[in-house]
Amino acid sequence: VDSSGSMLNEDCTDSRGVQTTRLEAVMDTCRKFIASSMMSTQDIYSLVTFNEESVLHMSCTSAFEAVPLMEKLQPQAQKQTLYSMGIRGIEAAIRRDTSRLPAYVVFLSDGEPTDPQSYLKDLQVLRKKHPKEQLKIYTIGFGESARVNSREEDFTYLQQLAALGNGHFQRCGASLASLTGAFTAVTSSISQVRSTSRRSSMERRSCPSGEQRESAVESRSGTSSVRSDVAAAAAVPFTQHFAQALPPSVSQPLCGTIVEQDSENDQVSSDDEDLDQKDRDAPELVHTADNPHAQPSSRIDFELPSPQSIFSNIGSKESWESFQAAQTTFSFDGSKFERRAEVKRVHLRKKPFMQGGMRLVYGMLLEDGAKAPQDVENWMCAKRLFQDVLQGNTGFEAHSAFCKSTAVAQFFAKRFRKLATRMGKPAKIGFTGCSLYSPVGGEGEGGYHFCGEQWMKG
């Protein structure tokens, strides 16, 4: 939980219409969230507040023990917002879990970090130390409005933190109701992930390796009893989804400042040399046909998500690369695809700033846009498959599937708008255009296949 000075703003409305500070509203929501989980004896909780330092108020604590501790807590909102302190607090909490359960983090802040460079460095070290399903970070941007508007930032750093943490970003307004809604959305996502992970684990334990694929096919087409089990699992509150039983004495509350800017014991190292040997020697995880669920390789370095830093220094060969490409755009008429192509010079950032489930996202400019990179209408995103970056180009067809999907979506959106208007209930629905870019320059120029689309605010 962000405890910087801006969290003192008294612009949050409770259920009675009374104004309260942002920090008080967040803490109240956290208390209610944990109290609602008291019937679960398997989940454990840690709470970290951060500004220019990190405080681990409780660690590996059961809900029953956490509720009275939360009632007594009154963290002070002050100083600046250093995300790196929050990241180091996460690492400190994880290290105290002797049972080594998967960590699900809800990271809440009302602003951008004042330490973007060190935050990103610490985040990438954290990802390397806790890969795959060991760590998921869900973020909540707390502000004046639940919608993107001209008065507030887009929480681009929280979006990046959620993307690199394999979680989700949720924006909420300055009210207890909006906060509760954001927590509900985040915990529903966690519930779904944990339920899926548990079923996958049970399938692997119950099936010999040679039978796993056949069993998976049967369960998808399966009987009513299989579907009922899945539905029942989805209906259980998320705090009951862990299959592992915890030792009864695992919860040992710890209070006090244990992670400070100058602390050496409980902070995430920002130097690879400080990683454990087992972390350095761990094999890289790559998306392949045989291992589709593996997480992206930790070798990929990301840059800051700020558009002002991305779309700058267009002439820098350290930050940008450029090549001639054929721009292919698809259209769909309900039965067949048509495509048109033209050659354009593209400019791409060398480092991604975001990731999705299958692709990495880079800053992009076309030739005309590169002449005025400061203009928002020229900003674009380039999307490359992890497999391309880590193993080499997969070719035209692999990328065209994304563009064709967009063309199909645009076709049906157009039909939907037309029918809605005919019914007297006009609707606004659309999909961002997407084009496929393929290198056509000489051998010395390089290049690769990727999808490009307009940059969208928020």
Foldseek 3Di string as FASTA:
>chain_A
DEQAQQQQDQPAQEPVRGTGGNVVLLLVLVLVVLLVLLVFPADFDWDWYDAQAIWTAWARAHSVVVNVSSVPDDDHHHHHHALLRVLLSVQLRQVLQPVLAADEEEAEDADDHPCQVLNQLLLLLSCLQQDARNFAYEYEHEEAAQDDDPVDALPQVNQQSRQSRVAYYGYFHRYSVRVNVRVVVRQLRLLVVLQVVVVVVVLPVVDDPVCSVVVVVQLVVHDPVSVVVSVVSSPDRSSHSDPDHDDNPSTDTDGDRDTHPPDDPRGRDSDPVPDDPCSVPPDFWADDPVCNSGDFGSVARADARDLVVQLPPQVDPQFKAKAKWKKKAWADDPPDIDIDIDIWMKMWTPHFHGDHSFWTKTWIFTPVCNVPSVDLQRIKIKIDGSCCVPPNAPDDVVAVVVNVVQNVVQNVQVVVQVVCVVVVHGDDDHDWHKIWIAGDDDPVRDDHIIIMTRDDRD
